[in-house]
């Protein structure tokens, strides 16, 4: 499985961005898909996960502002980010787990995308 993240860029505080993660492989639909992020000087942290059935789990820091969705036929996962804050600045990574579930740990994921940079200015 290969994951290709895109959509990062520069946004102002209060603005929006949408990230995409395109996955290869016919088993995409059975995987749990997630987004993590890593800010400068910090460890990579969990943002959100979506199961194959569409259940979701969000980090408290993004609840009510970010929305994850998946498009099975397109093998793509999206992260709609609204009401962005400067503290959302980070490299965002998409990840896939062959075990379907609402996993939040880095070690729960088997495949990782290359990351896309999101910068939010104040």
N, C-alpha and C. Protein backbone atom coordinates (compact mmCIF):
# COMPACT_ATOMS: atom_id res chain seq x y z
N UNK A 1 0.85 -1.19 0.00
CA UNK A 1 0.00 0.00 0.00
C UNK A 1 0.88 1.24 0.00
N UNK A 2 0.57 2.15 -0.88
CA UNK A 2 1.27 3.44 -0.89
C UNK A 2 0.26 4.54 -0.64
N UNK A 3 0.69 5.51 0.18
CA UNK A 3 -0.17 6.63 0.54
C UNK A 3 0.48 7.92 0.06
N UNK A 4 -0.32 8.76 -0.57
CA UNK A 4 0.17 10.03 -1.09
C UNK A 4 -0.68 11.15 -0.52
N UNK A 5 -0.09 11.93 0.37
CA UNK A 5 -0.80 13.05 0.99
C UNK A 5 -0.57 14.32 0.20
N UNK A 6 -1.60 15.17 0.16
CA UNK A 6 -1.48 16.44 -0.54
C UNK A 6 -2.46 17.43 0.06
N UNK A 7 -2.34 18.69 -0.35
CA UNK A 7 -3.29 19.70 0.07
C UNK A 7 -2.80 20.67 1.12
N UNK A 8 -1.60 20.45 1.62
CA UNK A 8 -1.07 21.36 2.61
C UNK A 8 -0.75 22.72 1.99
N UNK A 9 -0.47 23.68 2.85
CA UNK A 9 -0.14 25.01 2.38
C UNK A 9 -0.22 26.01 3.51
N UNK A 10 -0.33 27.25 3.12
CA UNK A 10 -0.38 28.35 4.09
C UNK A 10 -1.81 28.85 4.22
N UNK A 11 -2.25 29.02 5.46
CA UNK A 11 -3.58 29.55 5.72
C UNK A 11 -3.49 30.55 6.86
N UNK A 12 -4.42 31.45 6.89
CA UNK A 12 -4.50 32.40 8.00
C UNK A 12 -5.32 31.79 9.12
N UNK A 13 -5.09 32.24 10.31
CA UNK A 13 -5.90 31.79 11.45
C UNK A 13 -7.37 32.05 11.15
N UNK A 14 -8.19 31.03 11.43
CA UNK A 14 -9.60 31.11 11.13
C UNK A 14 -9.96 30.59 9.76
N UNK A 15 -8.96 30.31 8.95
CA UNK A 15 -9.19 29.83 7.60
C UNK A 15 -9.35 28.32 7.53
N UNK A 16 -9.37 27.81 6.31
CA UNK A 16 -9.62 26.39 6.08
C UNK A 16 -8.64 25.82 5.06
N UNK A 17 -8.40 24.54 5.19
CA UNK A 17 -7.64 23.76 4.21
C UNK A 17 -8.25 22.38 4.16
N UNK A 18 -8.08 21.72 3.01
CA UNK A 18 -8.50 20.33 2.91
C UNK A 18 -7.33 19.48 2.45
N UNK A 19 -7.01 18.48 3.24
CA UNK A 19 -5.95 17.55 2.90
C UNK A 19 -6.56 16.31 2.25
N UNK A 20 -5.79 15.71 1.36
CA UNK A 20 -6.20 14.47 0.71
C UNK A 20 -5.12 13.43 0.90
N UNK A 21 -5.53 12.19 0.96
CA UNK A 21 -4.59 11.07 1.05
C UNK A 21 -5.08 10.00 0.08
N UNK A 22 -4.36 9.83 -1.01
CA UNK A 22 -4.71 8.83 -2.01
C UNK A 22 -3.97 7.54 -1.72
N UNK A 23 -4.69 6.44 -1.71
CA UNK A 23 -4.10 5.14 -1.39
C UNK A 23 -4.15 4.22 -2.58
N UNK A 24 -3.11 3.44 -2.73
CA UNK A 24 -3.10 2.40 -3.74
C UNK A 24 -3.53 1.09 -3.10
N UNK A 25 -3.91 0.12 -3.88
CA UNK A 25 -4.24 -1.18 -3.31
C UNK A 25 -5.73 -1.42 -3.21
N UNK A 26 -6.11 -2.64 -3.48
CA UNK A 26 -7.53 -2.98 -3.52
C UNK A 26 -8.11 -3.18 -2.14
N UNK A 27 -7.27 -3.30 -1.10
CA UNK A 27 -7.79 -3.55 0.25
C UNK A 27 -7.99 -2.27 1.04
N UNK A 28 -7.87 -1.12 0.39
CA UNK A 28 -8.02 0.16 1.08
C UNK A 28 -9.30 0.22 1.88
N UNK A 29 -10.38 -0.28 1.30
CA UNK A 29 -11.67 -0.11 1.94
C UNK A 29 -11.78 -0.84 3.28
N UNK A 30 -10.91 -1.80 3.52
CA UNK A 30 -10.96 -2.54 4.78
C UNK A 30 -10.05 -1.96 5.84
N UNK A 31 -9.26 -0.96 5.48
CA UNK A 31 -8.29 -0.40 6.41
C UNK A 31 -8.88 0.73 7.25
N UNK A 32 -8.39 0.87 8.46
CA UNK A 32 -8.61 2.09 9.22
C UNK A 32 -7.61 3.13 8.72
N UNK A 33 -8.09 4.34 8.52
CA UNK A 33 -7.24 5.41 8.00
C UNK A 33 -7.20 6.56 9.00
N UNK A 34 -6.06 7.17 9.12
CA UNK A 34 -5.92 8.23 10.11
C UNK A 34 -5.03 9.35 9.60
N UNK A 35 -5.06 10.44 10.36
CA UNK A 35 -4.14 11.55 10.19
C UNK A 35 -3.40 11.78 11.50
N UNK A 36 -2.12 11.97 11.40
CA UNK A 36 -1.28 12.38 12.51
C UNK A 36 -0.61 13.70 12.09
N UNK A 37 -0.01 14.36 13.06
CA UNK A 37 0.74 15.57 12.73
C UNK A 37 1.96 15.69 13.64
N UNK A 38 2.95 16.38 13.11
CA UNK A 38 4.16 16.61 13.88
C UNK A 38 4.58 18.06 13.73
N UNK A 39 4.52 18.77 14.83
CA UNK A 39 4.94 20.17 14.85
C UNK A 39 6.44 20.24 15.09
N UNK A 40 7.08 21.34 14.71
CA UNK A 40 8.53 21.46 14.91
C UNK A 40 8.92 21.25 16.36
N UNK A 41 9.87 20.37 16.59
CA UNK A 41 10.37 20.12 17.93
C UNK A 41 9.48 19.26 18.80
N UNK A 42 8.41 18.74 18.22
CA UNK A 42 7.48 17.91 19.00
C UNK A 42 7.36 16.52 18.40
N UNK A 43 6.82 15.62 19.18
CA UNK A 43 6.58 14.28 18.69
C UNK A 43 5.33 14.24 17.82
N UNK A 44 5.30 13.24 16.95
CA UNK A 44 4.12 13.06 16.11
C UNK A 44 2.92 12.71 16.99
N UNK A 45 1.78 13.33 16.73
CA UNK A 45 0.60 13.10 17.54
C UNK A 45 -0.61 12.73 16.69
N UNK A 46 -1.49 11.98 17.31
CA UNK A 46 -2.72 11.56 16.67
C UNK A 46 -3.66 12.74 16.46
N UNK A 47 -4.33 12.76 15.31
CA UNK A 47 -5.32 13.79 15.02
C UNK A 47 -6.72 13.18 14.92
N UNK A 48 -6.87 12.20 14.04
CA UNK A 48 -8.20 11.62 13.81
C UNK A 48 -8.05 10.29 13.09
N UNK A 49 -9.02 9.41 13.30
CA UNK A 49 -9.06 8.12 12.61
C UNK A 49 -10.49 7.86 12.12
N UNK A 50 -10.58 7.15 11.00
CA UNK A 50 -11.86 6.69 10.49
C UNK A 50 -11.75 5.21 10.18
N UNK A 51 -12.73 4.45 10.66
CA UNK A 51 -12.72 3.01 10.41
C UNK A 51 -13.27 2.71 9.02
N UNK A 52 -13.20 1.47 8.64
CA UNK A 52 -13.72 1.09 7.33
C UNK A 52 -15.23 1.32 7.25
N UNK A 53 -15.88 1.25 8.40
CA UNK A 53 -17.33 1.46 8.43
C UNK A 53 -17.74 2.90 8.63
N UNK A 54 -16.78 3.79 8.76
CA UNK A 54 -17.08 5.21 8.88
C UNK A 54 -17.14 5.76 10.29
N UNK A 55 -16.85 4.92 11.29
CA UNK A 55 -16.77 5.46 12.64
C UNK A 55 -15.52 6.32 12.77
N UNK A 56 -15.60 7.33 13.62
CA UNK A 56 -14.48 8.26 13.75
C UNK A 56 -14.10 8.50 15.20
N UNK A 57 -12.88 8.93 15.39
CA UNK A 57 -12.39 9.32 16.71
C UNK A 57 -11.45 10.49 16.50
N UNK A 58 -11.69 11.60 17.19
CA UNK A 58 -10.90 12.81 17.02
C UNK A 58 -10.12 13.13 18.29
N UNK A 59 -8.97 13.70 18.12
CA UNK A 59 -8.25 14.28 19.24
C UNK A 59 -9.04 15.47 19.76
N UNK A 60 -8.98 15.69 21.06
CA UNK A 60 -9.75 16.79 21.65
C UNK A 60 -9.38 18.13 21.03
N UNK A 61 -8.14 18.28 20.65
CA UNK A 61 -7.66 19.57 20.14
C UNK A 61 -8.28 19.96 18.80
N UNK A 62 -8.87 19.01 18.09
CA UNK A 62 -9.42 19.32 16.78
C UNK A 62 -10.93 19.06 16.68
N UNK A 63 -11.52 18.55 17.73
CA UNK A 63 -12.96 18.26 17.71
C UNK A 63 -13.76 19.52 17.39
N UNK A 64 -14.72 19.36 16.50
CA UNK A 64 -15.56 20.48 16.13
C UNK A 64 -14.96 21.37 15.05
N UNK A 65 -13.69 21.15 14.72
CA UNK A 65 -13.04 21.98 13.70
C UNK A 65 -12.60 21.15 12.49
N UNK A 66 -12.17 19.95 12.72
CA UNK A 66 -11.69 19.07 11.65
C UNK A 66 -12.72 17.97 11.38
N UNK A 67 -12.79 17.55 10.13
CA UNK A 67 -13.69 16.47 9.74
C UNK A 67 -12.97 15.52 8.79
N UNK A 68 -12.98 14.25 9.13
CA UNK A 68 -12.38 13.24 8.28
C UNK A 68 -13.49 12.53 7.49
N UNK A 69 -13.17 12.17 6.27
CA UNK A 69 -14.11 11.41 5.45
C UNK A 69 -13.31 10.52 4.51
N UNK A 70 -13.99 9.54 3.94
CA UNK A 70 -13.31 8.66 3.01
C UNK A 70 -14.21 8.38 1.82
N UNK A 71 -13.58 8.25 0.67
CA UNK A 71 -14.26 7.96 -0.58
C UNK A 71 -13.73 6.63 -1.09
N UNK A 72 -14.52 5.58 -0.92
CA UNK A 72 -14.06 4.25 -1.28
C UNK A 72 -13.68 4.10 -2.73
N UNK A 73 -14.57 4.44 -3.66
CA UNK A 73 -14.23 4.28 -5.09
C UNK A 73 -12.97 5.04 -5.50
N UNK A 74 -12.70 6.15 -4.85
CA UNK A 74 -11.52 6.94 -5.19
C UNK A 74 -10.31 6.56 -4.35
N UNK A 75 -10.48 5.63 -3.41
CA UNK A 75 -9.38 5.23 -2.53
C UNK A 75 -8.72 6.45 -1.87
N UNK A 76 -9.53 7.35 -1.40
CA UNK A 76 -9.00 8.60 -0.87
C UNK A 76 -9.65 8.94 0.47
N UNK A 77 -8.84 9.47 1.35
CA UNK A 77 -9.31 9.98 2.63
C UNK A 77 -9.06 11.49 2.64
N UNK A 78 -10.00 12.21 3.20
CA UNK A 78 -9.90 13.66 3.25
C UNK A 78 -9.89 14.14 4.70
N UNK A 79 -9.24 15.27 4.91
CA UNK A 79 -9.30 15.94 6.20
C UNK A 79 -9.65 17.40 5.94
N UNK A 80 -10.88 17.75 6.27
CA UNK A 80 -11.32 19.14 6.16
C UNK A 80 -10.98 19.84 7.46
N UNK A 81 -10.18 20.89 7.35
CA UNK A 81 -9.73 21.61 8.53
C UNK A 81 -10.28 23.03 8.48
N UNK A 82 -11.13 23.34 9.43
CA UNK A 82 -11.73 24.67 9.53
C UNK A 82 -11.28 25.36 10.81
N UNK A 83 -11.52 26.64 10.88
CA UNK A 83 -11.17 27.43 12.06
C UNK A 83 -9.73 27.14 12.50
N UNK A 84 -8.85 27.17 11.55
CA UNK A 84 -7.45 26.84 11.82
C UNK A 84 -6.83 27.80 12.82
N UNK A 85 -5.91 27.25 13.61
CA UNK A 85 -5.19 28.02 14.62
C UNK A 85 -3.69 27.90 14.35
N UNK A 86 -2.90 28.85 14.80
CA UNK A 86 -1.46 28.75 14.61
C UNK A 86 -0.89 27.45 15.18
N UNK A 87 -1.47 26.95 16.25
CA UNK A 87 -0.98 25.70 16.84
C UNK A 87 -1.30 24.47 16.01
N UNK A 88 -2.05 24.63 14.93
CA UNK A 88 -2.28 23.53 14.00
C UNK A 88 -1.12 23.38 13.02
N UNK A 89 -0.19 24.31 13.04
CA UNK A 89 0.96 24.25 12.15
C UNK A 89 1.76 22.99 12.41
N UNK A 90 1.95 22.19 11.36
CA UNK A 90 2.64 20.91 11.50
C UNK A 90 2.75 20.24 10.14
N UNK A 91 3.55 19.20 10.09
CA UNK A 91 3.51 18.30 8.94
C UNK A 91 2.44 17.25 9.24
N UNK A 92 1.53 17.09 8.32
CA UNK A 92 0.42 16.16 8.51
C UNK A 92 0.69 14.89 7.71
N UNK A 93 0.53 13.76 8.38
CA UNK A 93 0.77 12.46 7.79
C UNK A 93 -0.53 11.64 7.77
N UNK A 94 -0.79 10.97 6.67
CA UNK A 94 -1.87 10.00 6.68
C UNK A 94 -1.26 8.62 6.91
N UNK A 95 -2.06 7.75 7.50
CA UNK A 95 -1.59 6.42 7.85
C UNK A 95 -2.72 5.41 7.68
N UNK A 96 -2.33 4.17 7.43
CA UNK A 96 -3.30 3.10 7.24
C UNK A 96 -2.97 1.93 8.15
N UNK A 97 -4.01 1.37 8.74
CA UNK A 97 -3.85 0.18 9.58
C UNK A 97 -4.62 -0.97 8.96
N UNK A 98 -3.95 -2.12 8.85
CA UNK A 98 -4.64 -3.29 8.31
C UNK A 98 -5.63 -3.87 9.31
N UNK A 99 -5.52 -3.44 10.56
CA UNK A 99 -6.49 -3.86 11.58
C UNK A 99 -7.53 -2.76 11.73
N UNK A 100 -8.74 -3.07 11.36
CA UNK A 100 -9.79 -2.07 11.39
C UNK A 100 -10.17 -1.72 12.82
N UNK A 101 -10.03 -0.45 13.17
CA UNK A 101 -10.35 0.00 14.53
C UNK A 101 -10.01 1.45 14.70
N UNK A 102 -10.38 2.03 15.79
CA UNK A 102 -10.15 3.46 16.04
C UNK A 102 -8.83 3.65 16.79
N UNK A 103 -7.74 3.25 16.14
CA UNK A 103 -6.42 3.28 16.75
C UNK A 103 -5.87 4.70 16.82
N UNK A 104 -5.15 4.98 17.92
CA UNK A 104 -4.60 6.33 18.11
C UNK A 104 -3.09 6.36 18.26
N UNK A 105 -2.46 5.21 18.28
CA UNK A 105 -1.01 5.15 18.49
C UNK A 105 -0.25 5.01 17.18
N UNK A 106 0.94 5.60 17.15
CA UNK A 106 1.78 5.48 15.96
C UNK A 106 2.03 4.02 15.59
N UNK A 107 2.21 3.19 16.60
CA UNK A 107 2.58 1.80 16.35
C UNK A 107 1.42 0.97 15.84
N UNK A 108 0.23 1.53 15.84
CA UNK A 108 -0.94 0.80 15.37
C UNK A 108 -1.06 0.82 13.85
N UNK A 109 -0.21 1.59 13.20
CA UNK A 109 -0.34 1.80 11.76
C UNK A 109 0.79 1.16 10.99
N UNK A 110 0.43 0.59 9.86
CA UNK A 110 1.37 -0.20 9.07
C UNK A 110 1.96 0.59 7.89
N UNK A 111 1.23 1.55 7.41
CA UNK A 111 1.67 2.31 6.23
C UNK A 111 1.52 3.81 6.51
N UNK A 112 2.49 4.56 6.00
CA UNK A 112 2.50 6.01 6.21
C UNK A 112 2.75 6.73 4.89
N UNK A 113 2.08 7.88 4.76
CA UNK A 113 2.36 8.75 3.63
C UNK A 113 3.57 9.62 3.93
N UNK A 114 3.94 10.44 2.98
CA UNK A 114 5.17 11.22 3.09
C UNK A 114 5.00 12.51 3.87
N UNK A 115 3.79 12.93 4.15
CA UNK A 115 3.57 14.15 4.91
C UNK A 115 3.34 15.36 4.02
N UNK A 116 2.50 16.26 4.50
CA UNK A 116 2.25 17.51 3.80
C UNK A 116 2.22 18.62 4.85
N UNK A 117 2.90 19.73 4.54
CA UNK A 117 3.09 20.79 5.52
C UNK A 117 1.90 21.75 5.54
N UNK A 118 1.40 22.00 6.73
CA UNK A 118 0.34 22.99 6.95
C UNK A 118 0.91 24.09 7.84
N UNK A 119 0.83 25.31 7.37
CA UNK A 119 1.31 26.45 8.14
C UNK A 119 0.16 27.42 8.33
N UNK A 120 -0.12 27.76 9.59
CA UNK A 120 -1.20 28.68 9.90
C UNK A 120 -0.61 29.94 10.52
N UNK A 121 -0.85 31.05 9.87
CA UNK A 121 -0.31 32.32 10.36
C UNK A 121 -1.34 33.04 11.22
N UNK A 122 -0.84 33.77 12.18
CA UNK A 122 -1.74 34.49 13.10
C UNK A 122 -2.08 35.87 12.58
